[in-house]
Amino acid sequence: LYFSAQEGILIFYHIKDLQYEIKICADISQPISSLIFSPDYTSLLLVTDQGTVYSYRPAHSGEAVKLLDTSSSCFLAADFLTPGNNYCVSVTITGEVQVWSLEDGTFLSKLNLGIEVHIT
């Protein structure tokens, strides 16, 4: 079980029978608004409401790597663009959908929907 604390800490609970172990996986020092696993469960996106997206690979047990920083106060959400784990899509309140490379955080494309977007 992965979850984030308000302070921007990614925590893993390993639960087996009636025993559990707690492990702090990463500290990104920004409140995490959502955690999204890749379709093959090899990567975890850590998304902040400030528009920063980090990648964490549970099998590698390393630090979270900053992929992109949109530095946008109107940033709403991000997710993997499937199939595969190579691209990320983000959306802003103003209706701009953006595509990013997860290899190096390169901005690839955008589409303006022309409407305000809300997450429900």
N, C-alpha and C. Protein backbone atom coordinates (compact mmCIF):
# COMPACT_ATOMS: atom_id res chain seq x y z
N LEU A 1 0.85 -1.17 0.00
CA LEU A 1 0.00 0.00 0.00
C LEU A 1 0.89 1.23 0.00
N TYR A 2 0.75 2.09 -1.02
CA TYR A 2 1.47 3.35 -1.09
C TYR A 2 0.51 4.48 -0.74
N PHE A 3 1.00 5.45 0.01
CA PHE A 3 0.21 6.65 0.26
C PHE A 3 1.17 7.80 0.52
N SER A 4 0.62 9.01 0.51
CA SER A 4 1.47 10.18 0.73
C SER A 4 0.98 10.93 1.95
N ALA A 5 1.94 11.46 2.67
CA ALA A 5 1.64 12.32 3.80
C ALA A 5 1.55 13.75 3.29
N GLN A 6 0.91 14.60 4.05
CA GLN A 6 0.69 15.99 3.64
C GLN A 6 1.99 16.73 3.37
N GLU A 7 3.07 16.33 4.00
CA GLU A 7 4.35 17.03 3.84
C GLU A 7 5.08 16.65 2.56
N GLY A 8 4.51 15.78 1.73
CA GLY A 8 5.17 15.38 0.49
C GLY A 8 6.02 14.14 0.63
N ILE A 9 5.69 13.30 1.58
CA ILE A 9 6.45 12.07 1.81
C ILE A 9 5.66 10.89 1.25
N LEU A 10 6.32 10.08 0.41
CA LEU A 10 5.72 8.86 -0.12
C LEU A 10 6.06 7.72 0.83
N ILE A 11 5.02 7.04 1.31
CA ILE A 11 5.19 5.98 2.30
C ILE A 11 4.63 4.67 1.75
N PHE A 12 5.32 3.57 2.06
CA PHE A 12 4.90 2.24 1.65
C PHE A 12 4.62 1.39 2.88
N TYR A 13 3.45 0.79 2.93
CA TYR A 13 3.10 -0.17 3.97
C TYR A 13 3.14 -1.56 3.33
N HIS A 14 4.01 -2.41 3.82
CA HIS A 14 4.05 -3.81 3.37
C HIS A 14 3.27 -4.61 4.41
N ILE A 15 2.13 -5.13 4.00
CA ILE A 15 1.23 -5.82 4.91
C ILE A 15 1.22 -7.30 4.56
N LYS A 16 1.49 -8.13 5.56
CA LYS A 16 1.45 -9.58 5.37
C LYS A 16 0.85 -10.19 6.62
N ASP A 17 -0.27 -10.87 6.43
CA ASP A 17 -1.02 -11.44 7.54
C ASP A 17 -1.34 -10.33 8.54
N LEU A 18 -0.94 -10.50 9.78
CA LEU A 18 -1.20 -9.48 10.80
C LEU A 18 -0.01 -8.58 11.07
N GLN A 19 1.05 -8.73 10.27
CA GLN A 19 2.26 -7.94 10.42
C GLN A 19 2.32 -6.86 9.33
N TYR A 20 2.97 -5.77 9.65
CA TYR A 20 3.20 -4.75 8.64
C TYR A 20 4.54 -4.07 8.88
N GLU A 21 5.08 -3.53 7.79
CA GLU A 21 6.34 -2.82 7.83
C GLU A 21 6.14 -1.49 7.12
N ILE A 22 6.66 -0.42 7.70
CA ILE A 22 6.54 0.91 7.11
C ILE A 22 7.88 1.34 6.54
N LYS A 23 7.85 1.88 5.31
CA LYS A 23 9.07 2.36 4.68
C LYS A 23 8.81 3.73 4.06
N ILE A 24 9.67 4.70 4.36
CA ILE A 24 9.59 6.00 3.68
C ILE A 24 10.36 5.86 2.38
N CYS A 25 9.67 6.07 1.27
CA CYS A 25 10.27 5.87 -0.05
C CYS A 25 10.88 7.13 -0.63
N ALA A 26 10.21 8.26 -0.45
CA ALA A 26 10.69 9.50 -1.05
C ALA A 26 10.12 10.69 -0.29
N ASP A 27 10.86 11.78 -0.31
CA ASP A 27 10.41 13.04 0.28
C ASP A 27 10.61 14.12 -0.77
N ILE A 28 9.50 14.60 -1.34
CA ILE A 28 9.62 15.62 -2.39
C ILE A 28 9.34 17.02 -1.86
N SER A 29 9.03 17.13 -0.58
CA SER A 29 8.85 18.43 0.09
C SER A 29 7.77 19.31 -0.52
N GLN A 30 6.81 18.70 -1.20
CA GLN A 30 5.64 19.39 -1.72
C GLN A 30 4.44 18.49 -1.48
N PRO A 31 3.31 19.03 -1.08
CA PRO A 31 2.13 18.18 -0.90
C PRO A 31 1.78 17.43 -2.19
N ILE A 32 1.59 16.13 -2.07
CA ILE A 32 1.26 15.28 -3.22
C ILE A 32 -0.25 15.23 -3.36
N SER A 33 -0.74 15.59 -4.55
CA SER A 33 -2.20 15.60 -4.76
C SER A 33 -2.71 14.28 -5.29
N SER A 34 -1.87 13.53 -6.01
CA SER A 34 -2.31 12.22 -6.49
C SER A 34 -1.13 11.31 -6.79
N LEU A 35 -1.40 10.01 -6.69
CA LEU A 35 -0.45 8.95 -7.01
C LEU A 35 -1.08 8.11 -8.10
N ILE A 36 -0.35 7.87 -9.19
CA ILE A 36 -0.89 7.10 -10.30
C ILE A 36 0.12 6.05 -10.72
N PHE A 37 -0.28 4.77 -10.70
CA PHE A 37 0.58 3.71 -11.19
C PHE A 37 0.49 3.61 -12.70
N SER A 38 1.62 3.26 -13.31
CA SER A 38 1.65 3.00 -14.75
C SER A 38 0.84 1.74 -15.03
N PRO A 39 0.42 1.53 -16.28
CA PRO A 39 -0.39 0.35 -16.60
C PRO A 39 0.28 -0.98 -16.22
N ASP A 40 1.60 -1.04 -16.26
CA ASP A 40 2.29 -2.29 -15.90
C ASP A 40 2.80 -2.28 -14.46
N TYR A 41 2.45 -1.27 -13.70
CA TYR A 41 2.80 -1.13 -12.27
C TYR A 41 4.30 -1.06 -11.99
N THR A 42 5.09 -0.60 -12.96
CA THR A 42 6.53 -0.46 -12.74
C THR A 42 6.91 0.96 -12.31
N SER A 43 6.06 1.93 -12.57
CA SER A 43 6.34 3.32 -12.22
C SER A 43 5.14 3.93 -11.51
N LEU A 44 5.45 4.88 -10.67
CA LEU A 44 4.42 5.60 -9.94
C LEU A 44 4.64 7.08 -10.17
N LEU A 45 3.60 7.78 -10.66
CA LEU A 45 3.68 9.23 -10.81
C LEU A 45 3.21 9.88 -9.51
N LEU A 46 3.99 10.83 -9.03
CA LEU A 46 3.63 11.63 -7.87
C LEU A 46 3.32 13.02 -8.40
N VAL A 47 2.10 13.45 -8.27
CA VAL A 47 1.66 14.72 -8.85
C VAL A 47 1.36 15.70 -7.72
N THR A 48 1.92 16.91 -7.83
CA THR A 48 1.63 17.95 -6.85
C THR A 48 0.65 18.95 -7.46
N ASP A 49 -0.07 19.66 -6.61
CA ASP A 49 -1.02 20.64 -7.13
C ASP A 49 -0.33 21.90 -7.64
N GLN A 50 1.00 22.01 -7.43
CA GLN A 50 1.76 23.13 -7.99
C GLN A 50 2.19 22.86 -9.44
N GLY A 51 1.91 21.66 -9.94
CA GLY A 51 2.25 21.35 -11.32
C GLY A 51 3.55 20.61 -11.50
N THR A 52 4.09 20.01 -10.44
CA THR A 52 5.32 19.24 -10.54
C THR A 52 4.95 17.76 -10.56
N VAL A 53 5.61 17.00 -11.45
CA VAL A 53 5.37 15.57 -11.56
C VAL A 53 6.69 14.83 -11.35
N TYR A 54 6.67 13.87 -10.44
CA TYR A 54 7.83 13.04 -10.13
C TYR A 54 7.53 11.61 -10.52
N SER A 55 8.58 10.86 -10.81
CA SER A 55 8.46 9.43 -11.09
C SER A 55 9.18 8.66 -9.99
N TYR A 56 8.56 7.59 -9.53
CA TYR A 56 9.18 6.71 -8.54
C TYR A 56 9.02 5.28 -9.05
N ARG A 57 10.13 4.55 -9.05
CA ARG A 57 10.10 3.15 -9.50
C ARG A 57 10.28 2.25 -8.28
N PRO A 58 9.20 1.63 -7.81
CA PRO A 58 9.26 0.80 -6.60
C PRO A 58 10.31 -0.30 -6.65
N ALA A 59 10.51 -0.92 -7.78
CA ALA A 59 11.48 -2.02 -7.88
C ALA A 59 12.92 -1.54 -7.70
N HIS A 60 13.18 -0.27 -8.01
CA HIS A 60 14.53 0.27 -7.91
C HIS A 60 14.81 0.93 -6.56
N SER A 61 13.76 1.17 -5.77
CA SER A 61 13.87 1.75 -4.43
C SER A 61 14.79 2.98 -4.36
N GLY A 62 14.79 3.76 -5.40
CA GLY A 62 15.59 4.98 -5.39
C GLY A 62 14.75 6.17 -5.00
N GLU A 63 15.29 7.35 -5.22
CA GLU A 63 14.57 8.57 -4.94
C GLU A 63 13.58 8.86 -6.07
N ALA A 64 12.60 9.68 -5.77
CA ALA A 64 11.69 10.15 -6.79
C ALA A 64 12.44 11.14 -7.69
N VAL A 65 12.21 11.03 -8.99
CA VAL A 65 12.91 11.86 -9.97
C VAL A 65 11.92 12.88 -10.54
N LYS A 66 12.30 14.17 -10.49
CA LYS A 66 11.43 15.20 -11.06
C LYS A 66 11.41 15.05 -12.57
N LEU A 67 10.21 14.87 -13.12
CA LEU A 67 10.06 14.72 -14.56
C LEU A 67 9.72 16.03 -15.23
N LEU A 68 8.77 16.75 -14.64
CA LEU A 68 8.38 18.01 -15.25
C LEU A 68 7.85 18.95 -14.18
N ASP A 69 7.98 20.22 -14.48
CA ASP A 69 7.49 21.25 -13.58
C ASP A 69 6.78 22.28 -14.43
N THR A 70 5.46 22.19 -14.46
CA THR A 70 4.70 23.13 -15.27
C THR A 70 4.59 24.49 -14.60
N SER A 71 4.90 24.54 -13.29
CA SER A 71 4.85 25.79 -12.51
C SER A 71 3.58 26.57 -12.80
N SER A 72 2.50 25.86 -12.86
CA SER A 72 1.24 26.48 -13.23
C SER A 72 0.25 26.41 -12.07
N SER A 73 -0.27 27.53 -11.69
CA SER A 73 -1.25 27.54 -10.61
C SER A 73 -2.58 26.97 -11.08
N CYS A 74 -2.76 26.80 -12.38
CA CYS A 74 -4.02 26.25 -12.89
C CYS A 74 -3.87 24.78 -13.28
N PHE A 75 -2.80 24.13 -12.84
CA PHE A 75 -2.57 22.71 -13.09
C PHE A 75 -3.58 21.88 -12.31
N LEU A 76 -4.21 20.89 -12.97
CA LEU A 76 -5.20 20.05 -12.30
C LEU A 76 -4.72 18.64 -12.03
N ALA A 77 -4.23 17.96 -13.09
CA ALA A 77 -3.91 16.54 -12.93
C ALA A 77 -2.99 16.06 -14.03
N ALA A 78 -2.42 14.87 -13.80
CA ALA A 78 -1.58 14.21 -14.80
C ALA A 78 -1.83 12.71 -14.72
N ASP A 79 -1.55 12.02 -15.81
CA ASP A 79 -1.71 10.57 -15.84
C ASP A 79 -0.84 10.03 -16.96
N PHE A 80 -0.63 8.71 -16.94
CA PHE A 80 0.11 8.06 -18.01
C PHE A 80 -0.74 8.07 -19.27
N LEU A 81 -0.10 8.24 -20.41
CA LEU A 81 -0.76 8.16 -21.70
C LEU A 81 -0.50 6.75 -22.20
N THR A 82 -1.51 5.93 -22.22
CA THR A 82 -1.35 4.51 -22.56
C THR A 82 -1.61 4.28 -24.04
N PRO A 83 -1.09 3.20 -24.61
CA PRO A 83 -0.37 2.12 -23.95
C PRO A 83 1.09 2.50 -23.67
N GLY A 84 1.68 1.78 -22.73
CA GLY A 84 3.08 2.00 -22.39
C GLY A 84 3.27 2.95 -21.23
N ASN A 85 4.55 3.22 -20.94
CA ASN A 85 4.91 4.09 -19.82
C ASN A 85 5.79 5.24 -20.27
N ASN A 86 5.76 5.59 -21.54
CA ASN A 86 6.69 6.56 -22.08
C ASN A 86 6.20 8.00 -22.04
N TYR A 87 4.89 8.20 -21.92
CA TYR A 87 4.34 9.54 -22.02
C TYR A 87 3.35 9.83 -20.90
N CYS A 88 3.24 11.12 -20.60
CA CYS A 88 2.35 11.60 -19.56
C CYS A 88 1.47 12.68 -20.18
N VAL A 89 0.24 12.75 -19.74
CA VAL A 89 -0.67 13.80 -20.20
C VAL A 89 -1.09 14.60 -18.96
N SER A 90 -1.12 15.92 -19.10
CA SER A 90 -1.57 16.78 -18.00
C SER A 90 -2.67 17.70 -18.52
N VAL A 91 -3.44 18.25 -17.59
CA VAL A 91 -4.51 19.16 -17.97
C VAL A 91 -4.54 20.33 -16.99
N THR A 92 -4.87 21.49 -17.50
CA THR A 92 -4.97 22.70 -16.68
C THR A 92 -6.44 23.12 -16.57
N ILE A 93 -6.73 23.98 -15.62
CA ILE A 93 -8.09 24.49 -15.43
C ILE A 93 -8.59 25.18 -16.70
N THR A 94 -7.69 25.82 -17.41
CA THR A 94 -8.07 26.57 -18.62
C THR A 94 -8.36 25.67 -19.82
N GLY A 95 -8.19 24.35 -19.66
CA GLY A 95 -8.52 23.42 -20.73
C GLY A 95 -7.38 23.07 -21.64
N GLU A 96 -6.15 23.32 -21.22
CA GLU A 96 -4.99 22.96 -22.04
C GLU A 96 -4.53 21.56 -21.66
N VAL A 97 -4.55 20.65 -22.63
CA VAL A 97 -4.07 19.28 -22.45
C VAL A 97 -2.67 19.22 -23.02
N GLN A 98 -1.71 18.73 -22.22
CA GLN A 98 -0.31 18.71 -22.63
C GLN A 98 0.23 17.29 -22.58
N VAL A 99 1.12 16.97 -23.52
CA VAL A 99 1.76 15.66 -23.55
C VAL A 99 3.26 15.84 -23.29
N TRP A 100 3.81 15.01 -22.39
CA TRP A 100 5.20 15.09 -21.96
C TRP A 100 5.88 13.75 -22.12
N SER A 101 7.16 13.76 -22.40
CA SER A 101 7.97 12.54 -22.40
C SER A 101 8.36 12.23 -20.97
N LEU A 102 8.18 10.98 -20.55
CA LEU A 102 8.57 10.58 -19.21
C LEU A 102 10.05 10.23 -19.12
N GLU A 103 10.72 10.14 -20.26
CA GLU A 103 12.16 9.86 -20.25
C GLU A 103 12.95 11.04 -19.69
N ASP A 104 12.60 12.25 -20.15
CA ASP A 104 13.38 13.42 -19.76
C ASP A 104 12.52 14.66 -19.45
N GLY A 105 11.19 14.50 -19.43
CA GLY A 105 10.31 15.62 -19.12
C GLY A 105 10.12 16.60 -20.25
N THR A 106 10.48 16.21 -21.47
CA THR A 106 10.34 17.10 -22.62
C THR A 106 8.87 17.32 -22.97
N PHE A 107 8.50 18.59 -23.16
CA PHE A 107 7.16 18.94 -23.61
C PHE A 107 7.03 18.55 -25.08
N LEU A 108 5.99 17.80 -25.43
CA LEU A 108 5.85 17.32 -26.80
C LEU A 108 4.71 17.96 -27.58
N SER A 109 3.59 18.17 -26.93
CA SER A 109 2.43 18.65 -27.67
C SER A 109 1.38 19.22 -26.72
N LYS A 110 0.48 20.02 -27.27
CA LYS A 110 -0.64 20.51 -26.47
C LYS A 110 -1.87 20.69 -27.33
N LEU A 111 -3.00 20.66 -26.68
CA LEU A 111 -4.29 20.85 -27.32
C LEU A 111 -5.13 21.71 -26.40
N ASN A 112 -5.65 22.81 -26.90
CA ASN A 112 -6.50 23.67 -26.09
C ASN A 112 -7.95 23.30 -26.35
N LEU A 113 -8.64 22.86 -25.31
CA LEU A 113 -10.04 22.44 -25.43
C LEU A 113 -11.00 23.61 -25.56
N GLY A 114 -10.55 24.80 -25.15
CA GLY A 114 -11.39 25.99 -25.27
C GLY A 114 -12.48 26.08 -24.21
N ILE A 115 -12.39 25.26 -23.17
CA ILE A 115 -13.34 25.31 -22.07
C ILE A 115 -12.62 25.15 -20.75
N GLU A 116 -13.24 25.62 -19.68
CA GLU A 116 -12.66 25.43 -18.35
C GLU A 116 -12.91 23.98 -17.91
N VAL A 117 -11.91 23.39 -17.26
CA VAL A 117 -11.98 21.99 -16.87
C VAL A 117 -12.06 21.88 -15.35
N HIS A 118 -12.85 20.93 -14.87
CA HIS A 118 -12.98 20.65 -13.45
C HIS A 118 -12.84 19.14 -13.24
N ILE A 119 -12.18 18.75 -12.18
CA ILE A 119 -12.03 17.34 -11.82
C ILE A 119 -13.14 17.01 -10.82
N THR A 120 -13.87 15.94 -11.11
CA THR A 120 -14.94 15.52 -10.17
C THR A 120 -14.67 14.14 -9.67
